[in-house]
Protein backbone atom coordinates (compact mmCIF):
# COMPACT_ATOMS: atom_id res chain seq x y z
CA UNK A 1 -89.53 42.94 -59.88
CA UNK A 2 -87.84 46.35 -59.90
CA UNK A 3 -89.38 47.17 -56.53
CA UNK A 4 -88.05 43.93 -55.01
CA UNK A 5 -84.55 44.68 -56.30
CA UNK A 6 -84.63 48.18 -54.78
CA UNK A 7 -85.74 46.77 -51.40
CA UNK A 8 -82.95 44.24 -51.48
CA UNK A 9 -80.34 46.95 -52.17
CA UNK A 10 -81.66 49.13 -49.35
CA UNK A 11 -81.58 46.21 -46.95
CA UNK A 12 -78.01 45.39 -47.95
CA UNK A 13 -76.88 48.98 -47.44
CA UNK A 14 -78.59 49.03 -44.02
CA UNK A 15 -76.86 45.79 -42.95
CA UNK A 16 -73.47 47.08 -44.14
CA UNK A 17 -73.95 50.37 -42.32
CA UNK A 18 -74.84 48.55 -39.13
CA UNK A 19 -71.77 46.30 -39.52
CA UNK A 20 -69.44 49.28 -39.95
CA UNK A 21 -70.82 51.19 -37.00
CA UNK A 22 -71.23 48.16 -34.70
CA UNK A 23 -70.35 48.75 -31.07
CA UNK A 24 -69.72 46.22 -28.22
CA UNK A 25 -72.36 47.87 -26.07
CA UNK A 26 -72.27 45.46 -23.10
CA UNK A 27 -68.47 45.37 -23.01
CA UNK A 28 -68.37 49.17 -23.17
CA UNK A 29 -70.71 49.45 -20.19
CA UNK A 30 -68.57 46.96 -18.20
CA UNK A 31 -65.39 48.95 -18.93
CA UNK A 32 -66.99 52.26 -17.96
CA UNK A 33 -68.23 50.70 -14.71
CA UNK A 34 -64.73 49.37 -13.97
CA UNK A 35 -63.06 52.74 -14.51
CA UNK A 36 -65.68 54.72 -12.60
CA UNK A 37 -65.57 52.39 -9.56
CA UNK A 38 -61.78 52.06 -9.39
CA UNK A 39 -59.52 54.80 -8.12
CA UNK A 40 -56.90 55.82 -10.68
CA UNK A 41 -54.50 58.63 -11.49
CA UNK A 42 -56.38 59.92 -14.58
CA UNK A 43 -53.89 58.32 -16.92
CA UNK A 44 -56.82 56.57 -18.54
CA UNK A 45 -59.51 58.80 -20.02
CA UNK A 46 -62.18 56.97 -21.95
CA UNK A 47 -64.74 59.09 -23.82
CA UNK A 48 -68.17 57.50 -23.59
CA UNK A 49 -69.21 59.20 -26.83
CA UNK A 50 -66.62 57.25 -28.86
CA UNK A 51 -66.41 53.55 -29.60
CA UNK A 52 -64.80 51.41 -26.89
CA UNK A 53 -62.72 49.79 -29.63
CA UNK A 54 -60.88 53.12 -30.03
CA UNK A 55 -60.02 53.56 -26.35
CA UNK A 56 -56.47 53.38 -25.01
CA UNK A 57 -55.64 49.83 -23.89
CA UNK A 58 -58.69 48.28 -25.54
CA UNK A 59 -58.67 46.11 -28.65
CA UNK A 60 -61.70 44.58 -30.35
CA UNK A 61 -62.09 41.75 -32.83
CA UNK A 62 -62.11 42.42 -36.58
CA UNK A 63 -65.87 43.01 -36.61
CA UNK A 64 -65.66 45.32 -33.56
CA UNK A 65 -68.35 43.24 -31.90
CA UNK A 66 -66.56 42.42 -28.61
CA UNK A 67 -63.49 43.43 -26.60
CA UNK A 68 -60.64 41.07 -27.37
CA UNK A 69 -57.78 42.58 -25.32
CA UNK A 70 -57.57 44.84 -22.25
CA UNK A 71 -54.07 46.12 -21.39
CA UNK A 72 -53.75 48.71 -18.59
CA UNK A 73 -50.23 48.18 -17.15
CA UNK A 74 -48.82 50.85 -14.81
CA UNK A 75 -51.69 53.33 -15.16
CA UNK A 76 -52.10 54.01 -11.42
CA UNK A 77 -55.12 51.82 -10.65
CA UNK A 78 -55.66 51.65 -6.86
CA UNK A 79 -57.83 49.41 -4.67
CA UNK A 80 -59.83 46.28 -5.33
CA UNK A 81 -61.30 45.24 -8.66
CA UNK A 82 -65.07 45.83 -8.47
CA UNK A 83 -67.19 42.75 -9.11
CA UNK A 84 -69.46 42.63 -12.12
CA UNK A 85 -67.10 44.77 -14.20
CA UNK A 86 -64.09 43.06 -15.78
CA UNK A 87 -65.74 39.70 -15.19
CA UNK A 88 -68.43 40.64 -17.74
CA UNK A 89 -65.91 40.69 -20.62
CA UNK A 90 -66.62 37.06 -21.43
CA UNK A 91 -64.95 37.22 -24.86
CA UNK A 92 -61.65 38.52 -23.50
CA UNK A 93 -58.43 36.77 -24.64
CA UNK A 94 -55.72 38.91 -23.00
CA UNK A 95 -55.95 40.78 -19.67
CA UNK A 96 -53.03 42.79 -18.29
CA UNK A 97 -53.38 44.86 -15.10
CA UNK A 98 -49.77 44.48 -13.98
CA UNK A 99 -47.68 47.11 -12.15
CA UNK A 100 -50.58 48.92 -10.49
CA UNK A 101 -51.63 49.14 -6.85
CA UNK A 102 -54.63 46.85 -7.03
CA UNK A 103 -55.40 45.03 -3.78
CA UNK A 104 -57.84 42.65 -2.14
CA UNK A 105 -58.85 39.25 -3.53
CA UNK A 106 -59.46 38.45 -7.18
CA UNK A 107 -63.22 38.69 -7.86
CA UNK A 108 -65.06 35.38 -8.13
CA UNK A 109 -66.62 36.43 -11.45
CA UNK A 110 -63.20 36.12 -13.13
CA UNK A 111 -64.32 32.52 -13.67
CA UNK A 112 -66.55 33.89 -16.48
CA UNK A 113 -63.48 34.73 -18.57
CA UNK A 114 -63.42 31.20 -19.97
CA UNK A 115 -61.76 32.23 -23.28
CA UNK A 116 -58.85 34.01 -21.58
CA UNK A 117 -55.43 32.93 -22.86
CA UNK A 118 -53.05 35.29 -21.04
CA UNK A 119 -53.47 36.86 -17.58
CA UNK A 120 -50.90 39.30 -16.14
CA UNK A 121 -51.55 40.52 -12.57
CA UNK A 122 -47.96 40.74 -11.27
CA UNK A 123 -46.56 43.65 -9.24
CA UNK A 124 -49.76 44.54 -7.42
CA UNK A 125 -50.93 44.16 -3.82
CA UNK A 126 -53.50 41.37 -4.16
CA UNK A 127 -54.18 39.32 -1.03
CA UNK A 128 -56.03 36.18 -0.02
CA UNK A 129 -55.56 32.54 -1.04
CA UNK A 130 -54.76 31.32 -4.52
CA UNK A 131 -57.74 32.63 -6.53
CA UNK A 132 -60.07 29.67 -7.04
CA UNK A 133 -61.70 31.43 -9.99
CA UNK A 134 -58.44 31.19 -11.95
CA UNK A 135 -58.36 27.38 -11.75
CA UNK A 136 -61.48 27.34 -13.96
CA UNK A 137 -59.85 29.20 -16.85
CA UNK A 138 -58.87 26.03 -18.66
CA UNK A 139 -57.65 27.83 -21.81
CA UNK A 140 -54.96 29.83 -20.01
CA UNK A 141 -51.53 29.60 -21.59
CA UNK A 142 -49.74 32.24 -19.48
CA UNK A 143 -50.53 33.01 -15.83
CA UNK A 144 -48.47 35.51 -13.86
CA UNK A 145 -49.62 36.49 -10.35
CA UNK A 146 -46.11 36.99 -8.97
CA UNK A 147 -45.02 39.81 -6.63
CA UNK A 148 -48.27 40.07 -4.68
CA UNK A 149 -49.34 39.05 -1.16
CA UNK A 150 -51.17 35.79 -1.84
CA UNK A 151 -51.13 33.30 1.05
CA UNK A 152 -52.06 29.70 1.79
CA UNK A 153 -51.29 26.54 -0.20
CA UNK A 154 -50.97 26.20 -3.94
CA UNK A 155 -54.05 24.10 -4.79
CA UNK A 156 -53.91 20.81 -6.68
CA UNK A 157 -56.64 22.29 -8.91
CA UNK A 158 -53.86 24.07 -10.84
CA UNK A 159 -53.75 20.80 -12.79
CA UNK A 160 -57.03 21.93 -14.41
CA UNK A 161 -54.98 24.42 -16.44
CA UNK A 162 -53.79 21.78 -18.89
CA UNK A 163 -52.66 24.26 -21.57
CA UNK A 164 -50.30 26.30 -19.38
CA UNK A 165 -46.82 26.94 -20.74
CA UNK A 166 -45.76 29.64 -18.25
CA UNK A 167 -46.70 29.80 -14.56
CA UNK A 168 -45.18 32.46 -12.30
CA UNK A 169 -46.03 32.47 -8.57
CA UNK A 170 -42.81 33.87 -7.07
CA UNK A 171 -42.52 36.64 -4.48
CA UNK A 172 -45.74 35.84 -2.61
CA UNK A 173 -46.47 34.20 0.74
CA UNK A 174 -47.66 30.78 -0.41
CA UNK A 175 -47.09 28.05 2.19
CA UNK A 176 -47.41 24.29 2.53
CA UNK A 177 -46.01 21.70 0.15
CA UNK A 178 -45.84 21.84 -3.62
CA UNK A 179 -48.60 19.78 -5.26
CA UNK A 180 -47.68 17.33 -7.97
CA UNK A 181 -48.40 19.24 -11.17
CA UNK A 182 -48.20 17.81 -14.67
CA UNK A 183 -45.36 19.89 -16.04
CA UNK A 184 -45.05 18.27 -19.47
CA UNK A 185 -46.24 21.44 -21.22
CA UNK A 186 -44.63 23.95 -18.86
CA UNK A 187 -41.66 25.84 -20.29
CA UNK A 188 -41.31 28.39 -17.47
CA UNK A 189 -42.15 27.83 -13.81
CA UNK A 190 -41.20 29.85 -10.72
CA UNK A 191 -42.27 29.63 -7.06
CA UNK A 192 -39.18 31.27 -5.52
CA UNK A 193 -39.34 33.48 -2.42
CA UNK A 194 -42.42 31.97 -0.76
CA UNK A 195 -42.89 29.94 2.45
CA UNK A 196 -43.13 26.51 0.83
CA UNK A 197 -41.76 23.39 2.50
CA UNK A 198 -41.34 19.67 1.96
CA UNK A 199 -39.90 17.66 -0.90
CA UNK A 200 -40.08 18.99 -4.46
CA UNK A 201 -42.10 16.61 -6.68
CA UNK A 202 -40.08 14.81 -9.33
CA UNK A 203 -42.10 16.40 -12.11
CA UNK A 204 -40.29 19.70 -11.41
CA UNK A 205 -36.76 18.31 -11.70
CA UNK A 206 -36.31 19.86 -15.16
CA UNK A 207 -36.48 23.42 -13.79
CA UNK A 208 -33.39 25.23 -12.41
CA UNK A 209 -32.62 25.84 -8.76
CA UNK A 210 -33.58 29.51 -9.14
CA UNK A 211 -37.21 28.47 -9.68
CA UNK A 212 -37.37 27.27 -6.03
CA UNK A 213 -34.85 29.53 -4.24
CA UNK A 214 -35.95 31.48 -1.17
CA UNK A 215 -38.14 28.70 0.28
CA UNK A 216 -36.23 27.60 3.38
CA UNK A 217 -38.38 24.50 3.87
CA UNK A 218 -38.04 23.08 0.34
CA UNK A 219 -35.61 20.27 -0.41
CA UNK A 220 -34.90 17.65 -3.04
CA UNK A 221 -34.93 17.96 -6.82
CA UNK A 222 -32.59 20.77 -7.94
CA UNK A 223 -32.19 21.84 -4.27
CA UNK A 224 -30.09 19.95 -1.67
CA UNK A 225 -31.55 16.55 -0.72
CA UNK A 226 -33.90 16.21 2.22
CA UNK A 227 -32.22 15.16 5.47
CA UNK A 228 -34.89 12.81 6.75
CA UNK A 229 -33.86 9.20 6.25
CA UNK A 230 -37.10 7.49 7.17
CA UNK A 231 -40.50 9.10 7.74
CA UNK A 232 -41.29 9.83 11.34
CA UNK A 233 -43.42 7.05 12.76
CA UNK A 234 -47.07 7.85 13.18
CA UNK A 235 -48.35 8.03 16.76
CA UNK A 236 -49.18 4.60 18.04
CA UNK A 237 -52.91 4.04 18.40
CA UNK A 238 -54.17 3.36 21.86
CA UNK A 239 -53.88 -0.33 22.52
CA UNK A 240 -57.23 -2.05 23.08
CA UNK A 241 -57.85 -3.53 26.46
CA UNK A 242 -57.56 -7.31 26.21
CA UNK A 243 -60.76 -9.13 26.98
CA UNK A 244 -61.00 -10.61 30.42
CA UNK A 245 -60.95 -14.36 30.63
CA UNK A 246 -62.57 -16.52 33.18
CA UNK A 247 -60.60 -17.96 36.06
CA UNK A 248 -61.15 -21.42 34.62
CA UNK A 249 -59.42 -20.54 31.34
CA UNK A 250 -56.58 -18.74 33.11
CA UNK A 251 -55.76 -21.88 35.01
CA UNK A 252 -55.40 -23.95 31.85
CA UNK A 253 -52.36 -22.76 29.89
CA UNK A 254 -51.44 -24.62 26.75
CA UNK A 255 -48.16 -26.47 26.51
CA UNK A 256 -46.95 -24.12 23.79
CA UNK A 257 -47.66 -21.09 25.98
CA UNK A 258 -45.73 -22.58 28.89
CA UNK A 259 -42.75 -23.36 26.66
CA UNK A 260 -42.93 -19.89 25.13
CA UNK A 261 -42.94 -18.21 28.53
CA UNK A 262 -39.97 -20.26 29.66
CA UNK A 263 -37.92 -19.64 26.53
CA UNK A 264 -38.93 -15.96 26.47
CA UNK A 265 -37.76 -15.55 30.06
CA UNK A 266 -34.43 -17.15 29.15
CA UNK A 267 -33.99 -14.82 26.21
CA UNK A 268 -34.81 -11.77 28.32
CA UNK A 269 -32.22 -12.90 30.85
CA UNK A 270 -29.70 -13.32 28.03
CA UNK A 271 -30.42 -9.82 26.79
CA UNK A 272 -29.98 -8.38 30.27
CA UNK A 273 -26.67 -10.20 30.58
CA UNK A 274 -25.56 -8.81 27.23
CA UNK A 275 -26.45 -5.26 28.32
CA UNK A 276 -24.51 -5.78 31.54
CA UNK A 277 -21.46 -6.98 29.61
CA UNK A 278 -21.62 -3.96 27.32
CA UNK A 279 -21.81 -1.59 30.29
CA UNK A 280 -18.81 -3.28 31.94
CA UNK A 281 -16.83 -3.09 28.72
CA UNK A 282 -17.60 0.59 28.43
CA UNK A 283 -16.30 1.24 31.95
CA UNK A 284 -13.19 -0.91 31.74
CA UNK A 285 -12.33 -0.25 28.16
CA UNK A 286 -8.71 -0.82 27.39
CA UNK A 287 -6.53 1.66 25.46
CA UNK A 288 -7.09 1.60 21.68
CA UNK A 289 -3.68 0.03 21.05
CA UNK A 290 -4.66 -3.10 22.99
CA UNK A 291 -7.96 -3.56 21.19
CA UNK A 292 -8.23 -6.02 18.34
CA UNK A 293 -8.66 -4.24 15.04
CA UNK A 294 -12.21 -4.12 13.69
CA UNK A 295 -12.21 -5.78 10.26
CA UNK A 296 -15.68 -5.72 8.71
CA UNK A 297 -16.23 -6.83 5.12
CA UNK A 298 -17.89 -4.69 2.47
CA UNK A 299 -20.34 -6.16 0.02
CA UNK A 300 -18.87 -4.20 -2.88
CA UNK A 301 -15.23 -3.94 -3.90
CA UNK A 302 -14.76 -0.26 -4.60
CA UNK A 303 -11.06 0.65 -5.06
CA UNK A 304 -11.51 4.26 -3.93
CA UNK A 305 -13.59 3.43 -0.81
CA UNK A 306 -12.47 2.11 2.56
CA UNK A 307 -12.94 -1.58 3.31
CA UNK A 308 -16.11 -2.17 5.23
CA UNK A 309 -17.98 0.81 3.82
CA UNK A 310 -20.42 1.35 1.02
CA UNK A 311 -19.39 3.13 -2.17
CA UNK A 312 -18.56 6.81 -1.71
CA UNK A 313 -21.43 9.21 -2.36
CA UNK A 314 -22.06 12.88 -1.72
CA UNK A 315 -25.18 12.42 0.41
CA UNK A 316 -25.05 12.21 4.21
CA UNK A 317 -27.61 11.17 6.76
CA UNK A 318 -28.64 13.10 9.80
CA UNK A 319 -27.08 16.54 9.72
CA UNK A 320 -23.41 17.46 9.52
CA UNK A 321 -20.59 15.01 10.20
CA UNK A 322 -16.90 14.84 9.41
CA UNK A 323 -15.64 13.41 6.14
CA UNK A 324 -14.42 10.25 7.84
CA UNK A 325 -17.90 9.51 9.21
CA UNK A 326 -19.81 9.89 5.96
CA UNK A 327 -21.62 7.09 4.13
CA UNK A 328 -20.12 4.17 6.05
CA UNK A 329 -22.49 1.22 5.91
CA UNK A 330 -20.41 -1.47 7.63
CA UNK A 331 -21.17 -5.14 6.86
CA UNK A 332 -20.08 -8.16 8.90
CA UNK A 333 -18.38 -11.18 7.41
CA UNK A 334 -20.66 -13.91 6.18
CA UNK A 335 -23.34 -11.47 5.04
CA UNK A 336 -25.57 -12.22 2.05
CA UNK A 337 -26.41 -8.67 0.98
CA UNK A 338 -25.05 -6.61 -1.89
CA UNK A 339 -26.45 -3.13 -1.41
CA UNK A 340 -24.94 0.15 -0.30
CA UNK A 341 -26.10 3.20 1.61
CA UNK A 342 -27.60 4.86 -1.45
CA UNK A 343 -29.78 1.79 -2.08
CA UNK A 344 -30.95 1.94 1.53
CA UNK A 345 -31.76 5.64 1.15
CA UNK A 346 -34.06 4.89 -1.79
CA UNK A 347 -35.82 1.98 -0.06
CA UNK A 348 -39.50 2.22 0.79
CA UNK A 349 -39.96 2.10 4.57
CA UNK A 350 -42.73 0.85 6.84
CA UNK A 351 -42.78 1.32 10.61
CA UNK A 352 -42.76 -2.03 12.41
CA UNK A 353 -42.66 -0.77 15.98
CA UNK A 354 -41.17 1.57 18.53
CA UNK A 355 -39.08 0.70 21.57
CA UNK A 356 -37.26 2.52 24.33
CA UNK A 357 -34.03 2.73 22.31
CA UNK A 358 -35.37 3.43 18.84
CA UNK A 359 -37.77 2.64 16.00
CA UNK A 360 -37.71 -0.40 13.69
CA UNK A 361 -38.55 -0.16 9.99
CA UNK A 362 -39.20 -2.71 7.29
CA UNK A 363 -37.16 -1.49 4.30
CA UNK A 364 -37.78 -2.93 0.81
CA UNK A 365 -34.92 -2.16 -1.58
CA UNK A 366 -35.40 -1.58 -5.29
CA UNK A 367 -34.04 -5.01 -6.23
CA UNK A 368 -36.56 -6.66 -3.89
CA UNK A 369 -34.38 -7.35 -0.86
CA UNK A 370 -36.20 -6.85 2.46
CA UNK A 371 -34.33 -5.97 5.65
CA UNK A 372 -35.13 -4.53 9.06
CA UNK A 373 -33.48 -1.22 9.97
CA UNK A 374 -33.44 -0.17 13.62
CA UNK A 375 -32.91 3.56 14.05
CA UNK A 376 -31.39 4.20 17.48
CA UNK A 377 -32.17 7.30 19.50
CA UNK A 378 -30.41 9.05 22.37
CA UNK A 379 -27.22 7.03 21.87
CA UNK A 380 -24.40 9.46 22.67
CA UNK A 381 -21.20 7.45 22.23
CA UNK A 382 -18.06 7.97 20.24
CA UNK A 383 -17.51 6.26 16.94
CA UNK A 384 -14.89 3.93 18.41
CA UNK A 385 -17.13 2.89 21.30
CA UNK A 386 -20.01 2.26 18.92
CA UNK A 387 -17.85 0.11 16.61
CA UNK A 388 -16.53 -1.92 19.55
CA UNK A 389 -20.04 -2.64 20.81
CA UNK A 390 -21.32 -3.49 17.35
CA UNK A 391 -18.32 -5.82 16.83
CA UNK A 392 -19.24 -7.65 20.01
CA UNK A 393 -22.94 -7.90 19.05
CA UNK A 394 -22.07 -8.98 15.52
CA UNK A 395 -20.08 -11.94 16.81
CA UNK A 396 -23.01 -13.36 18.77
CA UNK A 397 -24.52 -16.32 16.94
CA UNK A 398 -27.45 -18.35 18.19
CA UNK A 399 -30.28 -20.15 16.48
CA UNK A 400 -32.81 -18.04 18.37
CA UNK A 401 -31.10 -14.71 17.69
CA UNK A 402 -31.46 -12.59 14.56
CA UNK A 403 -27.85 -11.83 13.46
CA UNK A 404 -26.69 -8.25 13.04
CA UNK A 405 -25.75 -7.85 9.35
CA UNK A 406 -24.55 -4.22 9.15
CA UNK A 407 -24.53 -0.90 10.95
CA UNK A 408 -24.11 2.79 10.19
CA UNK A 409 -22.60 5.50 12.41
CA UNK A 410 -22.86 9.27 12.19
CA UNK A 411 -22.83 11.92 14.90
CA UNK A 412 -26.60 12.13 15.03
CA UNK A 413 -27.67 8.95 13.21
CA UNK A 414 -27.08 5.30 14.24
CA UNK A 415 -28.62 2.45 12.23
CA UNK A 416 -28.64 -1.35 12.66
CA UNK A 417 -29.49 -3.71 9.77
CA UNK A 418 -31.02 -7.16 10.47
CA UNK A 419 -32.60 -9.93 8.41
CA UNK A 420 -36.34 -9.59 7.94
CA UNK A 421 -38.21 -12.52 9.49
CA UNK A 422 -41.62 -13.25 7.97
CA UNK A 423 -44.75 -14.03 10.04
CA UNK A 424 -43.10 -13.12 13.34
CA UNK A 425 -45.63 -12.09 15.97
CA UNK A 426 -47.03 -12.88 19.40
CA UNK A 427 -50.00 -14.53 17.72
CA UNK A 428 -47.64 -16.99 16.03
CA UNK A 429 -46.15 -17.87 19.44
CA UNK A 430 -49.56 -18.60 20.95
CA UNK A 431 -50.27 -20.96 18.04
CA UNK A 432 -47.06 -22.88 18.47
CA UNK A 433 -44.70 -21.01 16.09
CA UNK A 434 -42.03 -20.50 18.73
CA UNK A 435 -39.09 -19.64 16.49
CA UNK A 436 -41.08 -16.94 14.68
CA UNK A 437 -41.96 -15.43 18.04
CA UNK A 438 -38.34 -15.34 19.16
CA UNK A 439 -37.29 -13.68 15.91
CA UNK A 440 -39.98 -11.03 16.26
CA UNK A 441 -38.66 -10.12 19.71
CA UNK A 442 -35.31 -9.16 18.21
CA UNK A 443 -36.85 -7.37 15.23
CA UNK A 444 -38.97 -5.20 17.51
């Protein structure tokens, strides 16, 4: 019994002595390899005969069993980080190598630092794309890789870092558009002074303008609004070659097709006549004093706005224009709509077709109203000439014509607003829906 008690005491003393003198052997070897393979200015001198937990910039856990923190800011480290060195510190919580002259890409084995909470690599000379190894450190709370030379897009995989509260990417050379990032937990965010472009996602609207400054291609959110009114239409796909029909079928046209051809020819002739009248009016235009005043009707009674315009807003469409030409969405009498220019700006748009004078869009407003907006191109006329021509077109009424409901004029933006006609297509004409076919001609 006494012998057993003595053995137990000796074993306890041995365990305690081992606990006191414990050493993170593997972490120590990784740190020595990092320092020996990285050029530095001898500001860091680690003695291999002492415990790594006592070295400058190194902190261990309470039991001194692994390296918990590595802080080496501004110690003159030069060159790339050697692989299989820092990446072996798989128990690391805090890593700070800021304000050195480290360069090259971030090693891929940084993905082993899965317990890392804070990473500070700012004010170095790192290059390459956004380090993919960092998007796997899902426990990161603070990430600062600002003031380096990183290039390429900011990946959507940043959303993997769900615990981030601070993300600093400024003063790099990131390009492309900003991905939509869940910013609910972000308190600080900065991508200023990069080469980013496009619209700022709405999730970033809570951050100040300074977080996005220095990116000439960014717009929206806290920055000035984007100028583009509708998205540029996608290139038209090559039209398929219609199948050849036999001579027997070509000789037998249906009655509906014959009527459609006849009425279509009449409408084309009417359009040509209308264009001719407009050209003659442009040449023989009388002095402004002899013209009848243009008296459109606005759909909203706004005391501070001019009659015939939408409510006054700060936004403009299509580059710079004078104050008198801003935000004037002019409606004709007898209209059924009650929206303004701002509603039209927020509408979702779909390209219906392209013609020689412009592109037509199907615009669905927030309240559900659907209209057709024709965006004119290469129309270089004065405001007065444009209003005179639109007044003339707006007075034309015919059961086979889609009436012009409103128009907008700016120096480099001219818009026409029509009713949206459902099921209007050439196919409908060939099946006997003549009126739908005629309406689709004017919408296109």
